[in-house]
N, C-alpha and C. Protein backbone atom coordinates (compact mmCIF):
# COMPACT_ATOMS: atom_id res chain seq x y z
N MET A 1 -10.33 1.72 6.44
CA MET A 1 -9.77 2.95 5.95
C MET A 1 -9.95 2.98 4.44
N ALA A 2 -10.51 4.03 3.93
CA ALA A 2 -10.80 4.07 2.50
C ALA A 2 -10.66 5.48 1.97
N SER A 3 -10.51 5.56 0.67
CA SER A 3 -10.58 6.83 -0.04
C SER A 3 -11.33 6.54 -1.32
N ASP A 4 -11.39 7.50 -2.23
CA ASP A 4 -12.12 7.28 -3.47
C ASP A 4 -11.54 6.16 -4.31
N ASP A 5 -10.24 5.93 -4.18
CA ASP A 5 -9.63 4.96 -5.10
C ASP A 5 -8.88 3.82 -4.41
N ILE A 6 -8.93 3.72 -3.13
CA ILE A 6 -8.21 2.64 -2.45
C ILE A 6 -8.89 2.36 -1.11
N GLU A 7 -8.93 1.09 -0.77
CA GLU A 7 -9.48 0.68 0.52
C GLU A 7 -8.59 -0.41 1.10
N VAL A 8 -8.21 -0.26 2.36
CA VAL A 8 -7.45 -1.31 3.03
C VAL A 8 -8.46 -2.36 3.48
N LYS A 9 -8.38 -3.55 2.89
CA LYS A 9 -9.32 -4.62 3.21
C LYS A 9 -8.82 -5.51 4.34
N HIS A 10 -7.51 -5.68 4.42
CA HIS A 10 -6.95 -6.55 5.45
C HIS A 10 -5.51 -6.13 5.70
N PHE A 11 -5.13 -6.13 6.95
CA PHE A 11 -3.77 -5.73 7.30
C PHE A 11 -3.27 -6.55 8.47
N ILE A 12 -2.13 -7.16 8.29
CA ILE A 12 -1.35 -7.74 9.38
C ILE A 12 0.09 -7.34 9.10
N PRO A 13 0.92 -7.22 10.12
CA PRO A 13 2.32 -6.86 9.85
C PRO A 13 2.93 -7.84 8.85
N GLY A 14 3.43 -7.29 7.76
CA GLY A 14 4.06 -8.08 6.72
C GLY A 14 3.18 -8.36 5.51
N ARG A 15 1.89 -8.03 5.62
CA ARG A 15 0.98 -8.29 4.50
C ARG A 15 -0.22 -7.34 4.57
N VAL A 16 -0.51 -6.73 3.43
CA VAL A 16 -1.68 -5.86 3.34
C VAL A 16 -2.41 -6.18 2.04
N ARG A 17 -3.74 -6.22 2.13
CA ARG A 17 -4.57 -6.43 0.95
C ARG A 17 -5.39 -5.16 0.74
N LEU A 18 -5.28 -4.62 -0.46
CA LEU A 18 -5.96 -3.39 -0.82
C LEU A 18 -6.99 -3.65 -1.90
N LYS A 19 -8.06 -2.90 -1.87
CA LYS A 19 -9.04 -2.89 -2.96
C LYS A 19 -8.76 -1.62 -3.74
N VAL A 20 -8.37 -1.78 -5.00
CA VAL A 20 -7.98 -0.64 -5.84
C VAL A 20 -8.73 -0.75 -7.17
N PRO A 21 -9.92 -0.17 -7.26
CA PRO A 21 -10.71 -0.29 -8.49
C PRO A 21 -9.98 0.14 -9.76
N ALA A 22 -9.05 1.06 -9.63
CA ALA A 22 -8.33 1.55 -10.82
C ALA A 22 -7.49 0.46 -11.48
N VAL A 23 -7.07 -0.58 -10.75
CA VAL A 23 -6.28 -1.64 -11.40
C VAL A 23 -7.18 -2.49 -12.30
N ARG A 24 -8.46 -2.50 -12.03
CA ARG A 24 -9.41 -3.21 -12.89
C ARG A 24 -9.62 -2.43 -14.19
N ARG A 25 -9.66 -1.12 -14.08
CA ARG A 25 -9.95 -0.27 -15.24
C ARG A 25 -8.73 -0.02 -16.13
N SER A 26 -7.54 -0.14 -15.56
CA SER A 26 -6.34 0.23 -16.32
C SER A 26 -5.19 -0.73 -16.08
N PRO A 27 -4.93 -1.60 -17.04
CA PRO A 27 -3.77 -2.49 -16.91
C PRO A 27 -2.46 -1.72 -16.77
N ASP A 28 -2.37 -0.54 -17.40
CA ASP A 28 -1.16 0.27 -17.27
C ASP A 28 -0.97 0.73 -15.83
N PHE A 29 -2.07 1.11 -15.17
CA PHE A 29 -1.98 1.53 -13.78
C PHE A 29 -1.60 0.33 -12.90
N ALA A 30 -2.16 -0.84 -13.19
CA ALA A 30 -1.81 -2.04 -12.43
C ALA A 30 -0.31 -2.31 -12.52
N THR A 31 0.24 -2.15 -13.71
CA THR A 31 1.69 -2.34 -13.89
C THR A 31 2.47 -1.31 -13.09
N ARG A 32 2.01 -0.07 -13.11
CA ARG A 32 2.68 0.99 -12.33
C ARG A 32 2.65 0.68 -10.83
N VAL A 33 1.49 0.24 -10.33
CA VAL A 33 1.37 -0.11 -8.91
C VAL A 33 2.36 -1.22 -8.57
N ARG A 34 2.39 -2.27 -9.40
CA ARG A 34 3.29 -3.40 -9.15
C ARG A 34 4.76 -2.93 -9.15
N GLN A 35 5.12 -2.10 -10.11
CA GLN A 35 6.50 -1.65 -10.22
C GLN A 35 6.90 -0.73 -9.07
N GLU A 36 6.06 0.25 -8.76
CA GLU A 36 6.45 1.24 -7.75
C GLU A 36 6.45 0.65 -6.34
N LEU A 37 5.45 -0.15 -6.02
CA LEU A 37 5.46 -0.79 -4.70
C LEU A 37 6.56 -1.84 -4.63
N GLY A 38 6.74 -2.59 -5.71
CA GLY A 38 7.77 -3.63 -5.74
C GLY A 38 9.18 -3.10 -5.66
N ALA A 39 9.37 -1.83 -6.04
CA ALA A 39 10.70 -1.23 -6.01
C ALA A 39 11.12 -0.78 -4.61
N LEU A 40 10.17 -0.75 -3.67
CA LEU A 40 10.50 -0.33 -2.31
C LEU A 40 11.36 -1.39 -1.63
N GLY A 41 12.43 -0.93 -0.99
CA GLY A 41 13.23 -1.84 -0.19
C GLY A 41 12.37 -2.43 0.91
N GLY A 42 12.42 -3.72 1.09
CA GLY A 42 11.63 -4.38 2.12
C GLY A 42 10.34 -4.98 1.60
N VAL A 43 9.95 -4.66 0.37
CA VAL A 43 8.77 -5.28 -0.23
C VAL A 43 9.23 -6.54 -0.94
N HIS A 44 8.62 -7.67 -0.56
CA HIS A 44 9.01 -8.97 -1.12
C HIS A 44 8.20 -9.33 -2.36
N GLN A 45 6.90 -8.98 -2.36
CA GLN A 45 6.05 -9.40 -3.46
C GLN A 45 4.84 -8.49 -3.55
N VAL A 46 4.43 -8.21 -4.78
CA VAL A 46 3.19 -7.47 -5.04
C VAL A 46 2.37 -8.31 -6.00
N GLU A 47 1.20 -8.74 -5.54
CA GLU A 47 0.29 -9.53 -6.37
C GLU A 47 -0.91 -8.67 -6.72
N ILE A 48 -1.29 -8.68 -7.98
CA ILE A 48 -2.45 -7.91 -8.41
C ILE A 48 -3.42 -8.83 -9.14
N ASN A 49 -4.66 -8.78 -8.72
CA ASN A 49 -5.74 -9.48 -9.40
C ASN A 49 -6.64 -8.41 -10.00
N GLU A 50 -6.51 -8.22 -11.30
CA GLU A 50 -7.27 -7.16 -11.96
C GLU A 50 -8.77 -7.44 -11.94
N THR A 51 -9.17 -8.70 -11.96
CA THR A 51 -10.59 -9.04 -11.95
C THR A 51 -11.27 -8.61 -10.66
N THR A 52 -10.59 -8.81 -9.53
CA THR A 52 -11.18 -8.45 -8.23
C THR A 52 -10.71 -7.09 -7.72
N ALA A 53 -9.83 -6.44 -8.48
CA ALA A 53 -9.26 -5.14 -8.09
C ALA A 53 -8.50 -5.25 -6.77
N SER A 54 -7.84 -6.38 -6.57
CA SER A 54 -7.13 -6.64 -5.33
C SER A 54 -5.62 -6.49 -5.54
N VAL A 55 -4.98 -5.84 -4.57
CA VAL A 55 -3.53 -5.70 -4.56
C VAL A 55 -3.05 -6.23 -3.21
N ILE A 56 -2.19 -7.24 -3.25
CA ILE A 56 -1.61 -7.80 -2.03
C ILE A 56 -0.13 -7.47 -2.02
N VAL A 57 0.31 -6.85 -0.93
CA VAL A 57 1.71 -6.49 -0.78
C VAL A 57 2.26 -7.26 0.41
N GLN A 58 3.29 -8.06 0.16
CA GLN A 58 3.99 -8.77 1.23
C GLN A 58 5.32 -8.06 1.43
N TYR A 59 5.61 -7.71 2.67
CA TYR A 59 6.78 -6.89 2.95
C TYR A 59 7.38 -7.28 4.30
N ASP A 60 8.59 -6.83 4.52
CA ASP A 60 9.26 -7.01 5.80
C ASP A 60 8.59 -6.08 6.81
N PRO A 61 8.04 -6.61 7.91
CA PRO A 61 7.37 -5.75 8.89
C PRO A 61 8.27 -4.63 9.43
N GLY A 62 9.58 -4.82 9.38
CA GLY A 62 10.50 -3.78 9.81
C GLY A 62 10.44 -2.53 8.96
N LEU A 63 9.90 -2.65 7.76
CA LEU A 63 9.77 -1.50 6.86
C LEU A 63 9.00 -0.37 7.53
N LEU A 64 7.93 -0.70 8.25
CA LEU A 64 7.11 0.34 8.89
C LEU A 64 7.68 0.79 10.23
N ARG A 65 8.63 0.07 10.77
CA ARG A 65 9.27 0.49 12.02
C ARG A 65 10.45 1.42 11.77
N ASP A 66 10.94 1.41 10.54
CA ASP A 66 12.08 2.26 10.17
C ASP A 66 11.57 3.59 9.61
N PRO A 67 11.98 4.73 10.18
CA PRO A 67 11.48 6.03 9.69
C PRO A 67 11.71 6.24 8.19
N HIS A 68 12.85 5.80 7.67
CA HIS A 68 13.11 5.97 6.23
C HIS A 68 12.20 5.07 5.41
N GLY A 69 11.96 3.85 5.89
CA GLY A 69 11.05 2.93 5.21
C GLY A 69 9.63 3.46 5.21
N GLN A 70 9.22 4.03 6.35
CA GLN A 70 7.88 4.63 6.45
C GLN A 70 7.71 5.74 5.41
N GLU A 71 8.68 6.64 5.37
CA GLU A 71 8.58 7.77 4.45
C GLU A 71 8.57 7.31 3.00
N ALA A 72 9.40 6.31 2.68
CA ALA A 72 9.42 5.78 1.32
C ALA A 72 8.05 5.19 0.96
N MET A 73 7.48 4.42 1.88
CA MET A 73 6.17 3.81 1.64
C MET A 73 5.09 4.88 1.47
N PHE A 74 5.07 5.87 2.36
CA PHE A 74 4.06 6.92 2.27
C PHE A 74 4.23 7.76 1.01
N THR A 75 5.46 7.97 0.58
CA THR A 75 5.71 8.72 -0.65
C THR A 75 5.14 7.99 -1.86
N VAL A 76 5.40 6.68 -1.93
CA VAL A 76 4.89 5.89 -3.06
C VAL A 76 3.36 5.83 -3.01
N LEU A 77 2.79 5.59 -1.83
CA LEU A 77 1.33 5.54 -1.72
C LEU A 77 0.70 6.87 -2.11
N GLY A 78 1.31 7.98 -1.68
CA GLY A 78 0.80 9.30 -2.03
C GLY A 78 0.86 9.57 -3.53
N SER A 79 1.92 9.08 -4.17
CA SER A 79 2.06 9.24 -5.61
C SER A 79 1.04 8.40 -6.38
N LEU A 80 0.85 7.17 -5.95
CA LEU A 80 -0.08 6.28 -6.63
C LEU A 80 -1.54 6.63 -6.37
N PHE A 81 -1.83 7.06 -5.14
CA PHE A 81 -3.22 7.27 -4.71
C PHE A 81 -3.36 8.66 -4.08
N PRO A 82 -3.42 9.70 -4.89
CA PRO A 82 -3.43 11.08 -4.38
C PRO A 82 -4.57 11.38 -3.41
N SER A 83 -5.70 10.70 -3.52
CA SER A 83 -6.81 11.00 -2.62
C SER A 83 -6.74 10.23 -1.31
N LEU A 84 -5.76 9.35 -1.17
CA LEU A 84 -5.60 8.60 0.08
C LEU A 84 -5.18 9.55 1.19
N ASP A 85 -5.87 9.50 2.29
CA ASP A 85 -5.56 10.35 3.44
C ASP A 85 -4.39 9.73 4.21
N LEU A 86 -3.19 10.15 3.85
CA LEU A 86 -1.99 9.58 4.47
C LEU A 86 -1.90 9.91 5.95
N GLY A 87 -2.40 11.06 6.34
CA GLY A 87 -2.41 11.42 7.76
C GLY A 87 -3.26 10.45 8.57
N ALA A 88 -4.43 10.11 8.05
CA ALA A 88 -5.30 9.16 8.74
C ALA A 88 -4.67 7.77 8.76
N LEU A 89 -4.03 7.39 7.66
CA LEU A 89 -3.36 6.09 7.61
C LEU A 89 -2.23 6.03 8.63
N ARG A 90 -1.43 7.08 8.66
CA ARG A 90 -0.32 7.12 9.61
C ARG A 90 -0.84 7.05 11.06
N MET A 91 -1.92 7.79 11.34
CA MET A 91 -2.48 7.79 12.69
C MET A 91 -3.00 6.39 13.05
N TRP A 92 -3.69 5.75 12.11
CA TRP A 92 -4.22 4.40 12.36
C TRP A 92 -3.07 3.43 12.66
N LEU A 93 -2.01 3.53 11.89
CA LEU A 93 -0.85 2.66 12.11
C LEU A 93 -0.20 2.93 13.47
N GLN A 94 -0.13 4.21 13.86
CA GLN A 94 0.46 4.56 15.16
C GLN A 94 -0.41 4.06 16.31
N VAL A 95 -1.71 4.29 16.21
CA VAL A 95 -2.63 3.87 17.27
C VAL A 95 -2.56 2.36 17.46
N ASN A 96 -2.42 1.64 16.37
CA ASN A 96 -2.36 0.18 16.45
C ASN A 96 -0.94 -0.35 16.63
N ARG A 97 -0.02 0.58 16.86
CA ARG A 97 1.38 0.27 17.18
C ARG A 97 2.11 -0.53 16.10
N TYR A 98 1.82 -0.18 14.83
CA TYR A 98 2.52 -0.82 13.73
C TYR A 98 3.72 0.00 13.29
N LEU A 99 3.78 1.27 13.69
CA LEU A 99 4.91 2.13 13.33
C LEU A 99 5.90 2.15 14.45
N GLY A 100 7.18 2.28 14.09
CA GLY A 100 8.23 2.34 15.10
C GLY A 100 8.37 3.71 15.68
């Protein structure tokens, strides 16, 4: 799953690795990504490697099973990555039974 500015490279419940070229180009954006994702309830850790443009988010898998957690996550992702197709992401998560 990809958009112009973000690609899901690996996903298992509780951990997702994203390729986000913008974190390589902008340390300020990297800080924003870390802060906004890290502020979500249920997110345990956000690791960013600016050299590889990698963002790893470790979270409580229950976050995506809870409707309020889902909406909070999608709201933050939509704010950070406006070109990300949230509908396609939501459908992929539903088809693979990661959403509650």
